[in-house]
Amino acid sequence: KAHSSLYGYKLSTNPLLGKLKENGELICFENVITPYNATHSTMQALFSVGEFGSSPLFPCFFKEAGYYTHISENQYLLGAAMNFLTDKKLSDLMFSNRQEFKYVHDEQMIDALVVNHAPALYILHLQGQHYAYENRYPNTFNKFTCADYDEKKWDESQRKIIAHYDNATLYNDYVINKLINK
């Protein structure tokens, strides 16, 4: 949020979503807080209807109701033994379909997503701006450089990290806009 121009950041890191916001087509929530500072715990909370493990995970309800349920997952692959999202048995209970490999960049995942026009639930888990930031965007999104940041406040190494993060945010703006258009 601190590096999003949707929330007043000085650099234009969200030009496409900013246009949607200006046109009244995008709502930006001002007071949302994740329940945990780690993806695994947050995903458990998001997927749970109650306390994790005490009831079926919410995609199970959609699948059981006849919805096509799909997850595009660019972080947790089946069999990686990381968490519940990598467990094949749970995945089969929750999802009709999921991709089975990671994409280099999130845009590729959006491009590969096939929209099913029947009642459906889609869950997308992007790499987004996860570390290492310089790996989260293609070179064509290398807009921000060390020169964009105060050299009195940060050394060159810090400014480079901030530039990579802002470039990843700019790319994420493109990816989310592409998803909305799809």
Protein backbone atom coordinates (compact mmCIF):
# COMPACT_ATOMS: atom_id res chain seq x y z
CA LYS A 1 0.00 0.00 0.00
CA ALA A 2 2.86 2.36 0.82
CA HIS A 3 4.21 2.02 -2.74
CA SER A 4 0.86 2.12 -4.53
CA SER A 5 -0.14 5.27 -6.35
CA LEU A 6 -3.75 4.17 -5.71
CA TYR A 7 -3.09 5.22 -2.11
CA GLY A 8 -1.13 8.40 -2.78
CA TYR A 9 2.41 7.14 -3.43
CA LYS A 10 4.33 9.84 -5.32
CA LEU A 11 5.43 7.59 -8.21
CA SER A 12 2.92 6.24 -10.72
CA THR A 13 3.08 2.55 -9.83
CA ASN A 14 -0.61 1.87 -10.60
CA PRO A 15 -1.46 3.83 -13.76
CA LEU A 16 -3.94 1.28 -15.20
CA LEU A 17 -5.80 0.56 -11.99
CA GLY A 18 -5.68 4.29 -11.24
CA LYS A 19 -7.69 4.94 -14.42
CA LEU A 20 -10.26 2.38 -13.32
CA LYS A 21 -10.47 4.07 -9.91
CA GLU A 22 -10.91 7.51 -11.52
CA ASN A 23 -13.76 6.11 -13.67
CA GLY A 24 -15.50 4.64 -10.61
CA GLU A 25 -14.77 1.08 -11.79
CA LEU A 26 -12.44 0.14 -8.93
CA ILE A 27 -12.95 0.43 -5.20
CA CYS A 28 -9.85 0.73 -3.04
CA PHE A 29 -10.40 -0.38 0.52
CA GLU A 30 -8.65 1.85 3.03
CA ASN A 31 -8.60 -0.28 6.17
CA VAL A 32 -7.85 -3.92 5.35
CA ILE A 33 -5.35 -5.83 7.45
CA THR A 34 -4.11 -9.33 6.79
CA PRO A 35 -4.54 -11.65 9.77
CA TYR A 36 -0.90 -12.82 9.57
CA ASN A 37 2.39 -11.61 8.12
CA ALA A 38 3.07 -14.91 6.34
CA THR A 39 1.33 -16.32 3.27
CA HIS A 40 0.76 -19.82 4.66
CA SER A 41 -1.11 -18.70 7.78
CA THR A 42 -3.05 -16.08 5.85
CA MET A 43 -4.12 -18.64 3.23
CA GLN A 44 -5.32 -20.99 5.98
CA ALA A 45 -7.46 -18.17 7.40
CA LEU A 46 -8.82 -17.19 3.96
CA PHE A 47 -9.76 -20.75 3.00
CA SER A 48 -11.30 -21.67 6.36
CA VAL A 49 -14.97 -21.34 7.18
CA GLY A 50 -14.12 -21.55 10.88
CA GLU A 51 -10.96 -22.59 12.66
CA PHE A 52 -8.59 -24.24 10.19
CA GLY A 53 -9.13 -28.00 10.14
CA SER A 54 -12.48 -27.87 11.93
CA SER A 55 -14.65 -27.76 8.78
CA PRO A 56 -14.29 -28.12 5.01
CA LEU A 57 -12.35 -25.40 3.23
CA PHE A 58 -14.62 -22.99 1.38
CA PRO A 59 -13.80 -24.12 -2.21
CA CYS A 60 -15.18 -27.56 -1.24
CA PHE A 61 -18.63 -26.00 -0.79
CA PHE A 62 -18.51 -24.45 -4.26
CA LYS A 63 -17.31 -27.68 -5.88
CA GLU A 64 -19.97 -29.72 -4.06
CA ALA A 65 -22.64 -27.23 -5.22
CA GLY A 66 -21.69 -27.95 -8.85
CA TYR A 67 -19.40 -25.01 -9.52
CA TYR A 68 -16.33 -25.40 -11.66
CA THR A 69 -13.53 -24.60 -9.20
CA HIS A 70 -10.09 -23.64 -10.45
CA ILE A 71 -6.89 -22.47 -8.81
CA SER A 72 -4.06 -20.84 -10.66
CA GLU A 73 -1.19 -21.01 -8.23
CA ASN A 74 2.17 -19.40 -8.85
CA GLN A 75 3.68 -20.18 -5.47
CA TYR A 76 2.53 -23.51 -4.04
CA LEU A 77 2.77 -26.50 -6.39
CA LEU A 78 1.31 -29.92 -5.66
CA GLY A 79 3.63 -32.26 -3.84
CA ALA A 80 5.94 -29.51 -2.56
CA ALA A 81 5.04 -30.48 1.05
CA MET A 82 4.79 -26.84 2.08
CA ASN A 83 1.19 -26.49 3.24
CA PHE A 84 -2.41 -27.53 2.64
CA LEU A 85 -2.37 -25.98 -0.86
CA THR A 86 0.33 -28.44 -1.95
CA ASP A 87 -1.58 -31.51 -0.74
CA LYS A 88 -3.01 -33.46 -3.70
CA LYS A 89 -5.87 -35.03 -1.73
CA LEU A 90 -7.07 -31.66 -0.42
CA SER A 91 -6.58 -30.09 -3.83
CA ASP A 92 -8.77 -32.77 -5.45
CA LEU A 93 -11.49 -32.10 -2.87
CA MET A 94 -11.41 -28.33 -3.47
CA PHE A 95 -10.67 -27.92 -7.17
CA SER A 96 -11.94 -29.24 -10.47
CA ASN A 97 -8.74 -28.01 -12.07
CA ARG A 98 -5.41 -26.41 -11.29
CA GLN A 99 -2.28 -25.69 -13.27
CA GLU A 100 0.65 -27.89 -12.38
CA PHE A 101 3.69 -25.64 -12.86
CA LYS A 102 4.93 -22.18 -12.02
CA TYR A 103 5.17 -19.42 -14.56
CA VAL A 104 8.19 -17.16 -14.77
CA HIS A 105 5.92 -14.10 -14.68
CA ASP A 106 2.32 -13.75 -13.49
CA GLU A 107 1.15 -12.42 -16.86
CA GLN A 108 1.75 -15.88 -18.35
CA MET A 109 -0.59 -17.38 -15.77
CA ILE A 110 -3.32 -14.90 -16.69
CA ASP A 111 -2.79 -15.59 -20.41
CA ALA A 112 -3.15 -19.34 -19.83
CA LEU A 113 -6.31 -18.98 -17.73
CA VAL A 114 -9.32 -20.40 -19.57
CA VAL A 115 -12.61 -18.82 -18.57
CA ASN A 116 -15.41 -21.32 -18.03
CA HIS A 117 -18.77 -19.65 -18.62
CA ALA A 118 -20.65 -22.05 -16.32
CA PRO A 119 -20.95 -21.14 -12.64
CA ALA A 120 -17.34 -21.04 -11.48
CA LEU A 121 -14.98 -20.10 -8.68
CA TYR A 122 -11.49 -18.97 -9.65
CA ILE A 123 -8.71 -18.53 -7.14
CA LEU A 124 -5.52 -16.92 -8.35
CA HIS A 125 -2.38 -16.77 -6.25
CA LEU A 126 0.22 -14.58 -7.91
CA GLN A 127 3.89 -14.04 -7.18
CA GLY A 128 3.07 -10.33 -7.18
CA GLN A 129 5.70 -8.30 -5.36
CA HIS A 130 7.20 -11.16 -3.35
CA TYR A 131 10.94 -11.10 -2.91
CA ALA A 132 13.20 -11.22 -4.91
CA TYR A 133 11.59 -8.18 -6.49
CA GLU A 134 13.90 -8.02 -9.50
CA ASN A 135 12.60 -11.45 -10.56
CA ARG A 136 8.93 -10.48 -10.47
CA TYR A 137 8.73 -8.45 -13.68
CA PRO A 138 10.05 -8.65 -17.24
CA ASN A 139 12.66 -6.13 -18.42
CA THR A 140 9.99 -4.17 -20.28
CA PHE A 141 8.73 -2.98 -16.87
CA ASN A 142 12.11 -1.69 -15.75
CA LYS A 143 10.92 1.92 -15.44
CA PHE A 144 12.11 3.06 -12.01
CA THR A 145 15.82 3.42 -11.25
CA CYS A 146 18.01 4.56 -8.36
CA ALA A 147 17.74 8.11 -9.71
CA ASP A 148 14.05 8.21 -8.71
CA TYR A 149 14.84 8.05 -4.98
CA ASP A 150 16.47 10.39 -2.49
CA GLU A 151 20.19 9.63 -2.31
CA LYS A 152 20.43 11.49 1.01
CA LYS A 153 17.89 9.14 2.56
CA TRP A 154 19.02 5.80 1.06
CA ASP A 155 22.30 4.41 -0.23
CA GLU A 156 22.55 3.01 -3.78
CA SER A 157 21.84 -0.57 -2.73
CA GLN A 158 18.66 0.47 -0.90
CA ARG A 159 17.50 2.65 -3.80
CA LYS A 160 18.01 -0.28 -6.17
CA ILE A 161 15.83 -2.53 -3.99
CA ILE A 162 13.12 0.15 -3.82
CA ALA A 163 13.26 0.59 -7.61
CA HIS A 164 12.86 -3.16 -8.12
CA TYR A 165 9.90 -3.19 -5.74
CA ASP A 166 8.25 -0.28 -7.53
CA ASN A 167 8.84 -1.96 -10.90
CA ALA A 168 7.25 -5.15 -9.53
CA THR A 169 4.29 -3.04 -8.34
CA LEU A 170 3.99 -1.44 -11.79
CA TYR A 171 4.01 -4.89 -13.39
CA ASN A 172 1.43 -6.17 -10.90
CA ASP A 173 -0.80 -3.23 -11.92
CA TYR A 174 -0.53 -4.48 -15.52
CA VAL A 175 -1.26 -8.09 -14.52
CA ILE A 176 -4.32 -7.24 -12.41
CA ASN A 177 -5.66 -4.96 -15.15
CA LYS A 178 -5.16 -7.79 -17.65
CA LEU A 179 -7.06 -10.14 -15.35
CA ILE A 180 -9.94 -7.67 -15.01
CA ASN A 181 -10.10 -7.32 -18.81
CA LYS A 182 -10.11 -11.10 -19.24
